[in-house]
C-alpha atoms as a PDB file:
ATOM      1  CA  MET A   1       0.116 -17.159  -9.920  1.00  0.00           C
ATOM      2  CA  SER A   2      -1.222 -15.397 -12.986  1.00  0.00           C
ATOM      3  CA  GLY A   3      -4.495 -13.705 -13.755  1.00  0.00           C
ATOM      4  CA  ILE A   4      -6.117 -10.322 -14.138  1.00  0.00           C
ATOM      5  CA  TYR A   5      -7.226  -9.655 -10.546  1.00  0.00           C
ATOM      6  CA  ASP A   6      -5.004  -8.402  -7.765  1.00  0.00           C
ATOM      7  CA  PHE A   7      -4.343 -11.011  -5.097  1.00  0.00           C
ATOM      8  CA  TYR A   8      -2.992  -9.815  -1.767  1.00  0.00           C
ATOM      9  CA  VAL A   9      -0.786 -11.842   0.571  1.00  0.00           C
ATOM     10  CA  CYS A  10       1.396 -10.939   3.582  1.00  0.00           C
ATOM     11  CA  SER A  11       3.623  -8.637   1.567  1.00  0.00           C
ATOM     12  CA  GLN A  12       3.774  -5.175   0.078  1.00  0.00           C
ATOM     13  CA  LYS A  13       3.814  -6.879  -3.331  1.00  0.00           C
ATOM     14  CA  LYS A  14       0.626  -7.859  -5.132  1.00  0.00           C
ATOM     15  CA  GLN A  15       0.177 -11.093  -6.985  1.00  0.00           C
ATOM     16  CA  LYS A  16      -2.404 -11.960  -9.639  1.00  0.00           C
ATOM     17  CA  SER A  17      -5.332 -14.350  -9.619  1.00  0.00           C
ATOM     18  CA  VAL A  18      -7.924 -15.598 -12.085  1.00  0.00           C
ATOM     19  CA  PHE A  19     -10.554 -15.302  -9.353  1.00  0.00           C
ATOM     20  CA  PHE A  20     -11.828 -12.456  -7.212  1.00  0.00           C
ATOM     21  CA  ASP A  21     -13.976 -12.622  -4.118  1.00  0.00           C
ATOM     22  CA  ARG A  22     -14.390  -8.929  -3.306  1.00  0.00           C
ATOM     23  CA  ASP A  23     -15.452  -5.908  -5.341  1.00  0.00           C
ATOM     24  CA  ASP A  24     -15.235  -2.913  -3.028  1.00  0.00           C
ATOM     25  CA  GLU A  25     -12.965  -0.367  -1.437  1.00  0.00           C
ATOM     26  CA  SER A  26     -11.099  -1.867   1.517  1.00  0.00           C
ATOM     27  CA  ILE A  27      -7.930  -1.640   3.537  1.00  0.00           C
ATOM     28  CA  LEU A  28      -5.977  -4.870   3.576  1.00  0.00           C
ATOM     29  CA  LEU A  29      -3.502  -5.500   6.396  1.00  0.00           C
ATOM     30  CA  SER A  30      -1.045  -8.360   6.485  1.00  0.00           C
ATOM     31  CA  THR A  31      -1.463 -10.437   9.621  1.00  0.00           C
ATOM     32  CA  GLY A  32       1.844 -12.283   9.593  1.00  0.00           C
ATOM     33  CA  GLY A  33       5.468 -11.257   9.461  1.00  0.00           C
ATOM     34  CA  GLU A  34       5.445  -7.494   9.433  1.00  0.00           C
ATOM     35  CA  PHE A  35       3.089  -4.664   8.667  1.00  0.00           C
ATOM     36  CA  ALA A  36       1.963  -4.344   5.036  1.00  0.00           C
ATOM     37  CA  ILE A  37      -1.014  -2.308   3.912  1.00  0.00           C
ATOM     38  CA  HIS A  38      -2.961  -1.904   0.683  1.00  0.00           C
ATOM     39  CA  LEU A  39      -5.926   0.207  -0.356  1.00  0.00           C
ATOM     40  CA  THR A  40      -8.132  -1.640  -2.817  1.00  0.00           C
ATOM     41  CA  ASP A  41     -10.851  -0.404  -5.098  1.00  0.00           C
ATOM     42  CA  GLY A  42     -12.486  -2.851  -7.452  1.00  0.00           C
ATOM     43  CA  LYS A  43     -12.230  -6.604  -7.915  1.00  0.00           C
ATOM     44  CA  TYR A  44      -9.597  -8.448  -5.882  1.00  0.00           C
ATOM     45  CA  ALA A  45      -8.908 -11.436  -3.659  1.00  0.00           C
ATOM     46  CA  TYR A  46      -6.777 -11.924  -0.591  1.00  0.00           C
ATOM     47  CA  SER A  47      -5.260 -14.768   1.375  1.00  0.00           C
ATOM     48  CA  SER A  48      -6.294 -15.891   4.823  1.00  0.00           C
ATOM     49  CA  ASP A  49      -3.166 -14.138   6.149  1.00  0.00           C
ATOM     50  CA  VAL A  50      -4.688 -10.749   5.301  1.00  0.00           C
ATOM     51  CA  TRP A  51      -7.270  -8.820   7.274  1.00  0.00           C
ATOM     52  CA  GLY A  52      -9.793  -6.654   5.388  1.00  0.00           C
ATOM     53  CA  ILE A  53     -11.209  -3.454   6.898  1.00  0.00           C
ATOM     54  CA  ARG A  54     -13.856  -1.139   5.504  1.00  0.00           C
ATOM     55  CA  GLY A  55     -14.862   2.233   6.821  1.00  0.00           C
ATOM     56  CA  ASN A  56     -18.381   3.516   7.270  1.00  0.00           C
ATOM     57  CA  ASP A  57     -20.212   6.828   6.990  1.00  0.00           C
ATOM     58  CA  LYS A  58     -18.406   8.205  10.084  1.00  0.00           C
ATOM     59  CA  LEU A  59     -14.918   6.842   9.368  1.00  0.00           C
ATOM     60  CA  LEU A  60     -14.019   6.829   5.673  1.00  0.00           C
ATOM     61  CA  THR A  61     -11.929   3.969   4.322  1.00  0.00           C
ATOM     62  CA  ARG A  62      -9.453   6.249   2.517  1.00  0.00           C
ATOM     63  CA  PHE A  63      -8.910   8.360   5.640  1.00  0.00           C
ATOM     64  CA  LEU A  64      -8.401   5.256   7.790  1.00  0.00           C
ATOM     65  CA  TYR A  65      -5.927   3.928   5.207  1.00  0.00           C
ATOM     66  CA  ARG A  66      -3.916   7.149   5.516  1.00  0.00           C
ATOM     67  CA  TRP A  67      -4.006   6.863   9.294  1.00  0.00           C
ATOM     68  CA  PHE A  68      -2.645   3.299   9.147  1.00  0.00           C
ATOM     69  CA  GLU A  69      -0.038   4.391   6.617  1.00  0.00           C
ATOM     70  CA  HIS A  70       1.082   7.260   8.867  1.00  0.00           C
ATOM     71  CA  ASN A  71       1.292   4.969  11.920  1.00  0.00           C
ATOM     72  CA  ARG A  72       3.022   2.110  10.105  1.00  0.00           C
ATOM     73  CA  LEU A  73       6.122   1.963  12.328  1.00  0.00           C
ATOM     74  CA  ASN A  74       4.183   2.077  15.581  1.00  0.00           C
ATOM     75  CA  LEU A  75       1.727  -0.564  14.365  1.00  0.00           C
ATOM     76  CA  ASN A  76       4.554  -2.792  13.198  1.00  0.00           C
ATOM     77  CA  TYR A  77       6.281  -2.458  16.576  1.00  0.00           C
ATOM     78  CA  LYS A  78       3.285  -2.680  18.915  1.00  0.00           C
ATOM     79  CA  GLY A  79       0.699  -4.492  16.816  1.00  0.00           C
ATOM     80  CA  PHE A  80       2.679  -7.594  15.927  1.00  0.00           C
ATOM     81  CA  GLN A  81       3.138 -10.150  18.701  1.00  0.00           C
ATOM     82  CA  GLY A  82       4.628 -13.591  19.173  1.00  0.00           C
ATOM     83  CA  SER A  83       7.890 -15.425  18.876  1.00  0.00           C
ATOM     84  CA  GLY A  84       9.133 -16.656  15.543  1.00  0.00           C
ATOM     85  CA  ILE A  85       6.854 -15.238  12.872  1.00  0.00           C
ATOM     86  CA  GLN A  86       4.929 -12.468  14.557  1.00  0.00           C
ATOM     87  CA  HIS A  87       1.257 -11.936  13.849  1.00  0.00           C
ATOM     88  CA  LEU A  88      -0.996  -8.917  13.926  1.00  0.00           C
ATOM     89  CA  ASP A  89      -2.881  -8.656  17.191  1.00  0.00           C
ATOM     90  CA  LYS A  90      -6.371  -7.880  15.906  1.00  0.00           C
ATOM     91  CA  ASP A  91      -7.530  -6.725  19.342  1.00  0.00           C
ATOM     92  CA  PHE A  92      -4.729  -4.157  19.272  1.00  0.00           C
ATOM     93  CA  CYS A  93      -6.102  -2.787  15.983  1.00  0.00           C
ATOM     94  CA  ARG A  94      -9.697  -2.852  17.210  1.00  0.00           C
ATOM     95  CA  ASN A  95      -8.760  -0.916  20.343  1.00  0.00           C
ATOM     96  CA  VAL A  96      -6.617   1.764  18.710  1.00  0.00           C
ATOM     97  CA  GLN A  97      -7.832   5.241  19.609  1.00  0.00           C
ATOM     98  CA  LEU A  98      -7.734   7.951  16.969  1.00  0.00           C
ATOM     99  CA  ASP A  99      -9.137  11.422  16.597  1.00  0.00           C
ATOM    100  CA  VAL A 100     -11.683  11.356  13.823  1.00  0.00           C
ATOM    101  CA  PRO A 101     -12.477  14.603  12.048  1.00  0.00           C
ATOM    102  CA  THR A 102     -15.780  15.111  10.268  1.00  0.00           C
ATOM    103  CA  PRO A 103     -16.355  12.968   7.156  1.00  0.00           C
ATOM    104  CA  HIS A 104     -15.947  16.108   5.017  1.00  0.00           C
ATOM    105  CA  GLU A 105     -12.534  16.813   6.572  1.00  0.00           C
ATOM    106  CA  GLN A 106     -11.568  13.142   6.211  1.00  0.00           C
ATOM    107  CA  GLN A 107     -12.434  13.323   2.516  1.00  0.00           C
ATOM    108  CA  LYS A 108     -10.317  16.453   2.023  1.00  0.00           C
ATOM    109  CA  ILE A 109      -7.355  14.985   3.916  1.00  0.00           C
ATOM    110  CA  ALA A 110      -7.488  11.794   1.843  1.00  0.00           C
ATOM    111  CA  GLU A 111      -7.749  13.794  -1.412  1.00  0.00           C
ATOM    112  CA  ILE A 112      -4.753  15.978  -0.538  1.00  0.00           C
ATOM    113  CA  LEU A 113      -2.597  12.985   0.382  1.00  0.00           C
ATOM    114  CA  THR A 114      -3.661  11.131  -2.766  1.00  0.00           C
ATOM    115  CA  SER A 115      -2.638  14.163  -4.850  1.00  0.00           C
ATOM    116  CA  VAL A 116       0.756  14.229  -3.159  1.00  0.00           C
ATOM    117  CA  ASP A 117       1.194  10.493  -3.835  1.00  0.00           C
ATOM    118  CA  GLU A 118       0.381  11.059  -7.509  1.00  0.00           C
ATOM    119  CA  VAL A 119       3.042  13.781  -7.762  1.00  0.00           C
ATOM    120  CA  ILE A 120       5.560  11.472  -6.069  1.00  0.00           C
ATOM    121  CA  GLU A 121       4.703   8.614  -8.470  1.00  0.00           C
ATOM    122  CA  ASN A 122       5.013  10.887 -11.522  1.00  0.00           C
ATOM    123  CA  THR A 123       8.308  12.300 -10.259  1.00  0.00           C
ATOM    124  CA  GLN A 124       9.642   8.803  -9.553  1.00  0.00           C
ATOM    125  CA  SER A 125       8.623   7.724 -13.053  1.00  0.00           C
ATOM    126  CA  GLN A 126      10.578  10.645 -14.543  1.00  0.00           C
ATOM    127  CA  ILE A 127      13.596   9.812 -12.357  1.00  0.00           C
ATOM    128  CA  ASN A 128      13.461   6.178 -13.515  1.00  0.00           C
ATOM    129  CA  LYS A 129      13.361   7.281 -17.164  1.00  0.00           C
ATOM    130  CA  LEU A 130      16.329   9.614 -16.650  1.00  0.00           C
ATOM    131  CA  GLU A 131      18.288   6.848 -14.901  1.00  0.00           C
ATOM    132  CA  ASP A 132      17.616   4.553 -17.866  1.00  0.00           C
ATOM    133  CA  LEU A 133      18.771   7.277 -20.258  1.00  0.00           C
ATOM    134  CA  LYS A 134      21.922   7.805 -18.202  1.00  0.00           C
ATOM    135  CA  LYS A 135      22.713   4.060 -18.223  1.00  0.00           C
ATOM    136  CA  ALA A 136      22.211   3.858 -21.977  1.00  0.00           C
ATOM    137  CA  THR A 137      24.345   6.971 -22.530  1.00  0.00           C
ATOM    138  CA  MET A 138      27.109   5.655 -20.271  1.00  0.00           C
ATOM    139  CA  ASN A 139      27.058   2.316 -22.062  1.00  0.00           C
ATOM    140  CA  GLU A 140      27.303   4.033 -25.430  1.00  0.00           C
ATOM    141  CA  LEU A 141      30.076   6.405 -24.362  1.00  0.00           C
ATOM    142  CA  LEU A 142      32.127   3.860 -22.440  1.00  0.00           C
ATOM    143  CA  THR A 143      31.936   1.121 -25.077  1.00  0.00           C
ATOM    144  CA  LYS A 144      32.074   3.163 -28.292  1.00  0.00           C
ATOM    145  CA  GLY A 145      33.497   6.490 -27.154  1.00  0.00           C
ATOM    146  CA  ILE A 146      32.611   9.821 -28.673  1.00  0.00           C
ATOM    147  CA  VAL A 147      32.150   9.580 -32.414  1.00  0.00           C
ATOM    148  CA  SER A 148      32.981  12.789 -34.238  1.00  0.00           C
END
């Protein structure tokens, strides 16, 4: 599928679509297979195998996203039921209990974790560039040797 809008399916990977049906900030959870989560902001679409969740003025979407992200393994283990291809038990998600700090604290927590993610992404980008440089250097040295 090609297009300009993100299209979410039961996977950590995003696809593209020429259409969008949502234009908001949401958490998208895969409902089949295993736990996958995305935080959206803007125009996007998602398949019927994805469950969309939005926060409210007492439980901020970005904070809830971080909570789901932190509890990924537990949710994958306890939240997916069935034989064969397991599916997300929506009642399990609806009934999850969590301590909710004030909206101001939620905002700060989400901001701090977003900053950490940005540092990780920038660091990973630098590592990828250095790995590419190393591969190119190795190729040059091992095929042509050292030219004096």
